[in-house]
């Protein structure tokens, strides 16, 4: 794929990110799971127990949308709702054994899809890209 010389750095960065997300989305199709569901499952797996409001914040979606994502994951027995240990009036979302297993498979598929996209880079180029991206990610 060739790009015009006038593509800005930000355009190229956004295009690269979309390409990576698309490759991961295609890899997820085998499990019939949406990108939002996969991200939610990853967050729940990382945190072990998370309130719906926190999950919505981490996903950058409305609480109602987070409820729909959790409903879909719960319908597939990938997560469960439990009373929050810190506040019995609140509800936490926790991964099930199957959710933890699928989360690990999805993470492996995500890494594989990402590595396939990055395989075009020589080791030095990859190290330089990592260094530059850390500068962008680590700024306040």
N, C-alpha and C. Protein backbone atom coordinates (compact mmCIF):
# COMPACT_ATOMS: atom_id res chain seq x y z
N UNK A 1 0.86 -1.17 0.00
CA UNK A 1 0.00 0.00 0.00
C UNK A 1 0.90 1.23 0.00
N UNK A 2 0.73 2.11 -0.96
CA UNK A 2 1.54 3.32 -1.02
C UNK A 2 0.74 4.48 -0.48
N UNK A 3 1.45 5.44 0.09
CA UNK A 3 0.82 6.61 0.67
C UNK A 3 1.37 7.85 -0.01
N UNK A 4 0.54 8.85 -0.12
CA UNK A 4 0.99 10.14 -0.66
C UNK A 4 2.01 10.72 0.29
N UNK A 5 2.93 11.50 -0.25
CA UNK A 5 3.97 12.11 0.56
C UNK A 5 3.42 13.13 1.54
N UNK A 6 2.20 13.59 1.32
CA UNK A 6 1.66 14.61 2.20
C UNK A 6 0.89 14.03 3.40
N UNK A 7 0.90 12.70 3.57
CA UNK A 7 0.29 12.12 4.77
C UNK A 7 1.03 12.63 5.99
N UNK A 8 0.30 13.16 6.94
CA UNK A 8 0.94 13.67 8.15
C UNK A 8 1.28 12.51 9.07
N UNK A 9 2.17 12.76 10.00
CA UNK A 9 2.54 11.75 10.98
C UNK A 9 1.31 11.26 11.73
N UNK A 10 0.43 12.20 12.12
CA UNK A 10 -0.76 11.79 12.86
C UNK A 10 -1.66 10.92 12.00
N UNK A 11 -1.79 11.24 10.71
CA UNK A 11 -2.60 10.40 9.82
C UNK A 11 -2.01 9.00 9.71
N UNK A 12 -0.70 8.93 9.57
CA UNK A 12 -0.04 7.63 9.45
C UNK A 12 -0.20 6.82 10.74
N UNK A 13 -0.06 7.48 11.87
CA UNK A 13 -0.20 6.81 13.15
C UNK A 13 -1.62 6.27 13.33
N UNK A 14 -2.62 7.09 12.99
CA UNK A 14 -4.01 6.66 13.11
C UNK A 14 -4.31 5.52 12.14
N UNK A 15 -3.77 5.58 10.93
CA UNK A 15 -3.98 4.52 9.95
C UNK A 15 -3.35 3.22 10.43
N UNK A 16 -2.14 3.32 11.00
CA UNK A 16 -1.48 2.12 11.52
C UNK A 16 -2.29 1.51 12.66
N UNK A 17 -2.80 2.36 13.56
CA UNK A 17 -3.59 1.85 14.69
C UNK A 17 -4.87 1.18 14.19
N UNK A 18 -5.53 1.79 13.21
CA UNK A 18 -6.75 1.17 12.65
C UNK A 18 -6.43 -0.17 12.01
N UNK A 19 -5.31 -0.24 11.31
CA UNK A 19 -4.90 -1.49 10.66
C UNK A 19 -4.67 -2.59 11.70
N UNK A 20 -4.04 -2.22 12.81
CA UNK A 20 -3.79 -3.20 13.88
C UNK A 20 -5.12 -3.66 14.49
N UNK A 21 -6.03 -2.71 14.74
CA UNK A 21 -7.34 -3.07 15.30
C UNK A 21 -8.12 -3.96 14.34
N UNK A 22 -8.05 -3.65 13.04
CA UNK A 22 -8.76 -4.45 12.04
C UNK A 22 -8.21 -5.87 12.02
N UNK A 23 -6.89 -6.01 12.06
CA UNK A 23 -6.28 -7.35 12.06
C UNK A 23 -6.72 -8.14 13.29
N UNK A 24 -6.79 -7.47 14.45
CA UNK A 24 -7.24 -8.15 15.66
C UNK A 24 -8.72 -8.49 15.55
N UNK A 25 -9.52 -7.57 15.00
CA UNK A 25 -10.95 -7.82 14.82
C UNK A 25 -11.21 -9.03 13.95
N UNK A 26 -10.41 -9.17 12.90
CA UNK A 26 -10.55 -10.35 12.03
C UNK A 26 -10.17 -11.61 12.78
N UNK A 27 -9.15 -11.53 13.61
CA UNK A 27 -8.73 -12.71 14.40
C UNK A 27 -9.82 -13.10 15.40
N UNK A 28 -10.54 -12.10 15.95
CA UNK A 28 -11.59 -12.37 16.94
C UNK A 28 -12.83 -13.01 16.32
N UNK A 29 -13.01 -12.84 15.04
CA UNK A 29 -14.22 -13.35 14.38
C UNK A 29 -14.41 -14.85 14.64
N UNK A 30 -13.32 -15.57 14.80
CA UNK A 30 -13.40 -17.01 15.04
C UNK A 30 -14.13 -17.32 16.34
N UNK A 31 -14.11 -16.39 17.29
CA UNK A 31 -14.76 -16.61 18.58
C UNK A 31 -16.12 -15.90 18.67
N UNK A 32 -16.54 -15.25 17.60
CA UNK A 32 -17.83 -14.55 17.57
C UNK A 32 -17.94 -13.58 18.75
N UNK A 33 -16.90 -12.75 18.89
CA UNK A 33 -16.88 -11.78 19.98
C UNK A 33 -16.54 -10.41 19.39
N UNK A 34 -17.22 -9.39 19.88
CA UNK A 34 -17.00 -8.03 19.35
C UNK A 34 -15.75 -7.43 19.99
N UNK A 35 -15.17 -6.41 19.36
CA UNK A 35 -14.02 -5.74 19.97
C UNK A 35 -14.32 -5.20 21.37
N UNK A 36 -15.51 -4.62 21.57
CA UNK A 36 -15.88 -4.10 22.90
C UNK A 36 -15.96 -5.22 23.92
N UNK A 37 -16.53 -6.35 23.52
CA UNK A 37 -16.62 -7.48 24.44
C UNK A 37 -15.23 -8.02 24.78
N UNK A 38 -14.36 -8.09 23.78
CA UNK A 38 -13.00 -8.58 24.02
C UNK A 38 -12.24 -7.65 24.96
N UNK A 39 -12.38 -6.34 24.75
CA UNK A 39 -11.71 -5.37 25.62
C UNK A 39 -12.26 -5.47 27.05
N UNK A 40 -13.58 -5.60 27.16
CA UNK A 40 -14.19 -5.73 28.49
C UNK A 40 -13.70 -6.99 29.19
N UNK A 41 -13.64 -8.08 28.46
CA UNK A 41 -13.18 -9.34 29.04
C UNK A 41 -11.73 -9.20 29.49
N UNK A 42 -10.91 -8.49 28.71
CA UNK A 42 -9.50 -8.28 29.08
C UNK A 42 -9.41 -7.46 30.38
N UNK A 43 -10.21 -6.39 30.47
CA UNK A 43 -10.18 -5.54 31.67
C UNK A 43 -10.66 -6.31 32.89
N UNK A 44 -11.76 -7.04 32.75
CA UNK A 44 -12.28 -7.83 33.87
C UNK A 44 -11.23 -8.87 34.29
N UNK A 45 -10.59 -9.48 33.31
CA UNK A 45 -9.55 -10.47 33.61
C UNK A 45 -8.36 -9.85 34.33
N UNK A 46 -7.96 -8.66 33.90
CA UNK A 46 -6.83 -7.97 34.53
C UNK A 46 -7.15 -7.57 35.97
N UNK A 47 -8.34 -7.03 36.17
CA UNK A 47 -8.70 -6.51 37.49
C UNK A 47 -9.28 -7.58 38.41
N UNK A 48 -9.80 -8.65 37.84
CA UNK A 48 -10.37 -9.73 38.65
C UNK A 48 -11.78 -9.46 39.11
N UNK A 49 -12.06 -8.23 39.47
CA UNK A 49 -13.39 -7.80 39.91
C UNK A 49 -13.46 -6.31 39.64
N UNK A 50 -14.51 -5.88 38.94
CA UNK A 50 -14.60 -4.47 38.56
C UNK A 50 -16.05 -4.02 38.58
N UNK A 51 -16.28 -2.84 39.13
CA UNK A 51 -17.63 -2.28 39.09
C UNK A 51 -17.95 -1.87 37.66
N UNK A 52 -19.23 -1.93 37.33
CA UNK A 52 -19.68 -1.57 35.99
C UNK A 52 -19.27 -0.14 35.62
N UNK A 53 -19.37 0.79 36.57
CA UNK A 53 -19.02 2.18 36.29
C UNK A 53 -17.55 2.32 35.94
N UNK A 54 -16.70 1.56 36.61
CA UNK A 54 -15.26 1.59 36.34
C UNK A 54 -14.99 0.95 34.97
N UNK A 55 -15.68 -0.13 34.68
CA UNK A 55 -15.53 -0.78 33.39
C UNK A 55 -15.92 0.17 32.26
N UNK A 56 -17.03 0.88 32.43
CA UNK A 56 -17.47 1.85 31.42
C UNK A 56 -16.40 2.92 31.21
N UNK A 57 -15.83 3.41 32.31
CA UNK A 57 -14.76 4.42 32.21
C UNK A 57 -13.57 3.88 31.45
N UNK A 58 -13.14 2.67 31.80
CA UNK A 58 -11.97 2.07 31.16
C UNK A 58 -12.22 1.80 29.67
N UNK A 59 -13.46 1.47 29.32
CA UNK A 59 -13.81 1.23 27.92
C UNK A 59 -14.12 2.52 27.17
N UNK A 60 -14.25 3.61 27.93
CA UNK A 60 -14.63 4.92 27.37
C UNK A 60 -15.98 4.85 26.66
N UNK A 61 -16.94 4.20 27.34
CA UNK A 61 -18.30 4.11 26.80
C UNK A 61 -19.29 4.46 27.91
N UNK A 62 -20.53 4.72 27.52
CA UNK A 62 -21.58 5.06 28.49
C UNK A 62 -21.87 3.85 29.37
N UNK A 63 -22.24 4.09 30.63
CA UNK A 63 -22.58 2.97 31.52
C UNK A 63 -23.63 2.03 30.93
N UNK A 64 -24.62 2.59 30.24
CA UNK A 64 -25.65 1.73 29.63
C UNK A 64 -25.04 0.80 28.59
N UNK A 65 -24.09 1.32 27.81
CA UNK A 65 -23.41 0.49 26.81
C UNK A 65 -22.57 -0.59 27.49
N UNK A 66 -21.94 -0.24 28.60
CA UNK A 66 -21.15 -1.23 29.34
C UNK A 66 -22.05 -2.33 29.86
N UNK A 67 -23.26 -1.97 30.31
CA UNK A 67 -24.23 -2.96 30.77
C UNK A 67 -24.56 -3.93 29.65
N UNK A 68 -24.75 -3.42 28.43
CA UNK A 68 -25.06 -4.28 27.28
C UNK A 68 -23.90 -5.22 26.97
N UNK A 69 -22.68 -4.71 27.06
CA UNK A 69 -21.49 -5.54 26.81
C UNK A 69 -21.41 -6.65 27.85
N UNK A 70 -21.60 -6.29 29.12
CA UNK A 70 -21.56 -7.28 30.20
C UNK A 70 -22.70 -8.28 30.06
N UNK A 71 -23.89 -7.81 29.69
CA UNK A 71 -25.03 -8.72 29.46
C UNK A 71 -24.66 -9.79 28.43
N UNK A 72 -24.03 -9.36 27.33
CA UNK A 72 -23.66 -10.29 26.26
C UNK A 72 -22.60 -11.29 26.76
N UNK A 73 -21.62 -10.81 27.53
CA UNK A 73 -20.59 -11.70 28.07
C UNK A 73 -21.19 -12.65 29.11
N UNK A 74 -22.12 -12.14 29.91
CA UNK A 74 -22.77 -12.97 30.93
C UNK A 74 -23.63 -14.05 30.27
N UNK A 75 -24.29 -13.71 29.17
CA UNK A 75 -25.14 -14.68 28.46
C UNK A 75 -24.31 -15.85 27.93
N UNK A 76 -23.02 -15.59 27.68
CA UNK A 76 -22.12 -16.65 27.21
C UNK A 76 -21.33 -17.28 28.36
N UNK A 77 -21.69 -16.93 29.60
CA UNK A 77 -21.03 -17.46 30.81
C UNK A 77 -19.54 -17.12 30.86
N UNK A 78 -19.18 -15.94 30.33
CA UNK A 78 -17.78 -15.51 30.35
C UNK A 78 -17.48 -14.61 31.54
N UNK A 79 -18.52 -13.95 32.07
CA UNK A 79 -18.40 -13.14 33.28
C UNK A 79 -19.64 -13.39 34.13
N UNK A 80 -19.54 -12.99 35.39
CA UNK A 80 -20.69 -13.09 36.31
C UNK A 80 -20.76 -11.80 37.11
N UNK A 81 -21.97 -11.47 37.53
CA UNK A 81 -22.16 -10.32 38.41
C UNK A 81 -22.22 -10.83 39.85
N UNK A 82 -21.52 -10.11 40.74
CA UNK A 82 -21.51 -10.46 42.16
C UNK A 82 -21.63 -9.19 42.97
N UNK A 83 -22.11 -9.32 44.22
CA UNK A 83 -22.11 -8.12 45.08
C UNK A 83 -20.67 -7.65 45.28
N UNK A 84 -20.46 -6.34 45.23
CA UNK A 84 -19.13 -5.77 45.42
C UNK A 84 -18.70 -6.01 46.86
N UNK A 85 -17.51 -6.57 47.08
CA UNK A 85 -17.08 -6.86 48.46
C UNK A 85 -16.97 -5.59 49.33
N UNK A 86 -16.65 -4.46 48.70
CA UNK A 86 -16.48 -3.21 49.46
C UNK A 86 -17.82 -2.51 49.73
N UNK A 87 -18.82 -2.79 48.90
CA UNK A 87 -20.12 -2.12 49.05
C UNK A 87 -21.19 -3.09 48.55
N UNK A 88 -21.86 -3.76 49.47
CA UNK A 88 -22.83 -4.80 49.11
C UNK A 88 -23.97 -4.28 48.23
N UNK A 89 -24.18 -2.96 48.20
CA UNK A 89 -25.24 -2.41 47.35
C UNK A 89 -24.81 -2.33 45.89
N UNK A 90 -23.50 -2.34 45.67
CA UNK A 90 -22.96 -2.23 44.31
C UNK A 90 -22.71 -3.62 43.74
N UNK A 91 -22.59 -3.67 42.42
CA UNK A 91 -22.34 -4.94 41.73
C UNK A 91 -20.98 -4.89 41.05
N UNK A 92 -20.27 -5.99 41.16
CA UNK A 92 -18.99 -6.14 40.47
C UNK A 92 -19.13 -7.20 39.39
N UNK A 93 -18.30 -7.06 38.38
CA UNK A 93 -18.23 -8.04 37.30
C UNK A 93 -16.94 -8.82 37.49
N UNK A 94 -17.05 -10.15 37.46
CA UNK A 94 -15.89 -11.01 37.65
C UNK A 94 -15.82 -12.00 36.48
N UNK A 95 -14.61 -12.44 36.13
CA UNK A 95 -14.50 -13.43 35.05
C UNK A 95 -14.88 -14.82 35.57
N UNK A 96 -15.47 -15.62 34.71
CA UNK A 96 -15.70 -17.03 35.03
C UNK A 96 -14.46 -17.80 34.59
N UNK A 97 -14.43 -19.08 34.90
CA UNK A 97 -13.32 -19.93 34.45
C UNK A 97 -13.25 -19.90 32.92
N UNK A 98 -14.40 -20.01 32.27
CA UNK A 98 -14.45 -19.97 30.80
C UNK A 98 -14.02 -18.61 30.29
N UNK A 99 -14.42 -17.54 30.97
CA UNK A 99 -14.01 -16.20 30.57
C UNK A 99 -12.51 -16.00 30.67
N UNK A 100 -11.92 -16.54 31.72
CA UNK A 100 -10.47 -16.45 31.89
C UNK A 100 -9.77 -17.23 30.77
N UNK A 101 -10.28 -18.41 30.45
CA UNK A 101 -9.69 -19.24 29.38
C UNK A 101 -9.79 -18.53 28.04
N UNK A 102 -10.99 -18.02 27.72
CA UNK A 102 -11.18 -17.34 26.44
C UNK A 102 -10.35 -16.06 26.40
N UNK A 103 -10.29 -15.34 27.51
CA UNK A 103 -9.48 -14.13 27.56
C UNK A 103 -8.03 -14.41 27.21
N UNK A 104 -7.49 -15.52 27.71
CA UNK A 104 -6.11 -15.90 27.41
C UNK A 104 -5.96 -16.23 25.92
N UNK A 105 -6.94 -16.92 25.34
CA UNK A 105 -6.90 -17.23 23.90
C UNK A 105 -6.95 -15.96 23.07
N UNK A 106 -7.83 -15.03 23.46
CA UNK A 106 -7.96 -13.78 22.72
C UNK A 106 -6.68 -12.95 22.82
N UNK A 107 -6.06 -12.94 23.98
CA UNK A 107 -4.81 -12.20 24.15
C UNK A 107 -3.72 -12.79 23.27
N UNK A 108 -3.67 -14.12 23.20
CA UNK A 108 -2.69 -14.78 22.32
C UNK A 108 -2.96 -14.41 20.86
N UNK A 109 -4.24 -14.41 20.46
CA UNK A 109 -4.60 -14.04 19.09
C UNK A 109 -4.26 -12.58 18.81
N UNK A 110 -4.46 -11.72 19.80
CA UNK A 110 -4.14 -10.29 19.63
C UNK A 110 -2.64 -10.11 19.43
N UNK A 111 -1.86 -10.79 20.27
CA UNK A 111 -0.40 -10.70 20.14
C UNK A 111 0.06 -11.23 18.79
N UNK A 112 -0.51 -12.36 18.35
CA UNK A 112 -0.13 -12.95 17.06
C UNK A 112 -0.47 -12.00 15.92
N UNK A 113 -1.69 -11.43 15.93
CA UNK A 113 -2.10 -10.50 14.87
C UNK A 113 -1.19 -9.28 14.86
N UNK A 114 -0.84 -8.78 16.05
CA UNK A 114 0.03 -7.61 16.15
C UNK A 114 1.43 -7.94 15.63
N UNK A 115 1.96 -9.07 16.06
CA UNK A 115 3.31 -9.46 15.62
C UNK A 115 3.37 -9.65 14.11
N UNK A 116 2.30 -10.18 13.52
CA UNK A 116 2.29 -10.34 12.06
C UNK A 116 2.37 -9.00 11.37
N UNK A 117 1.68 -7.99 11.92
CA UNK A 117 1.71 -6.64 11.33
C UNK A 117 3.09 -6.01 11.49
N UNK A 118 3.75 -6.27 12.63
CA UNK A 118 5.03 -5.65 12.92
C UNK A 118 6.22 -6.42 12.33
N UNK A 119 5.95 -7.59 11.78
CA UNK A 119 7.03 -8.43 11.25
C UNK A 119 7.79 -7.78 10.09
N UNK A 120 7.19 -6.77 9.46
CA UNK A 120 7.86 -6.09 8.34
C UNK A 120 9.02 -5.22 8.83
N UNK A 121 9.09 -4.95 10.13
CA UNK A 121 10.13 -4.08 10.68
C UNK A 121 11.38 -4.88 11.03
N UNK A 122 12.52 -4.33 10.66
CA UNK A 122 13.80 -4.89 11.11
C UNK A 122 13.90 -4.65 12.61
N UNK A 123 14.75 -5.42 13.30
CA UNK A 123 14.87 -5.29 14.76
C UNK A 123 15.18 -3.87 15.20
N UNK A 124 16.10 -3.21 14.51
CA UNK A 124 16.45 -1.84 14.87
C UNK A 124 15.28 -0.89 14.69
N UNK A 125 14.53 -1.07 13.61
CA UNK A 125 13.35 -0.23 13.37
C UNK A 125 12.30 -0.47 14.45
N UNK A 126 12.12 -1.72 14.83
CA UNK A 126 11.13 -2.07 15.87
C UNK A 126 11.53 -1.42 17.20
N UNK A 127 12.81 -1.49 17.53
CA UNK A 127 13.28 -0.88 18.78
C UNK A 127 13.07 0.64 18.73
N UNK A 128 13.34 1.24 17.59
CA UNK A 128 13.16 2.69 17.46
C UNK A 128 11.68 3.06 17.56
N UNK A 129 10.81 2.26 16.94
CA UNK A 129 9.36 2.51 17.04
C UNK A 129 8.91 2.40 18.50
N UNK A 130 9.37 1.37 19.19
CA UNK A 130 9.03 1.21 20.61
C UNK A 130 9.45 2.44 21.40
N UNK A 131 10.68 2.91 21.15
CA UNK A 131 11.20 4.07 21.87
C UNK A 131 10.33 5.30 21.61
N UNK A 132 9.96 5.53 20.36
CA UNK A 132 9.15 6.70 19.99
C UNK A 132 7.75 6.59 20.58
N UNK A 133 7.14 5.42 20.48
CA UNK A 133 5.79 5.25 21.02
C UNK A 133 5.77 5.43 22.53
N UNK A 134 6.81 4.98 23.23
CA UNK A 134 6.87 5.19 24.68
C UNK A 134 6.91 6.68 25.01
N UNK A 135 7.60 7.47 24.20
CA UNK A 135 7.63 8.92 24.40
C UNK A 135 6.22 9.48 24.32
N UNK A 136 5.45 9.03 23.34
CA UNK A 136 4.08 9.52 23.15
C UNK A 136 3.15 9.05 24.27
N UNK A 137 3.28 7.79 24.64
CA UNK A 137 2.41 7.19 25.65
C UNK A 137 2.69 7.75 27.04
N UNK A 138 3.96 8.01 27.34
CA UNK A 138 4.36 8.41 28.69
C UNK A 138 4.19 9.90 28.98
N UNK A 139 3.83 10.69 27.97
CA UNK A 139 3.68 12.13 28.27
C UNK A 139 2.39 12.37 29.02
N UNK A 140 2.38 13.42 29.88
CA UNK A 140 1.19 13.68 30.71
C UNK A 140 -0.03 14.05 29.90
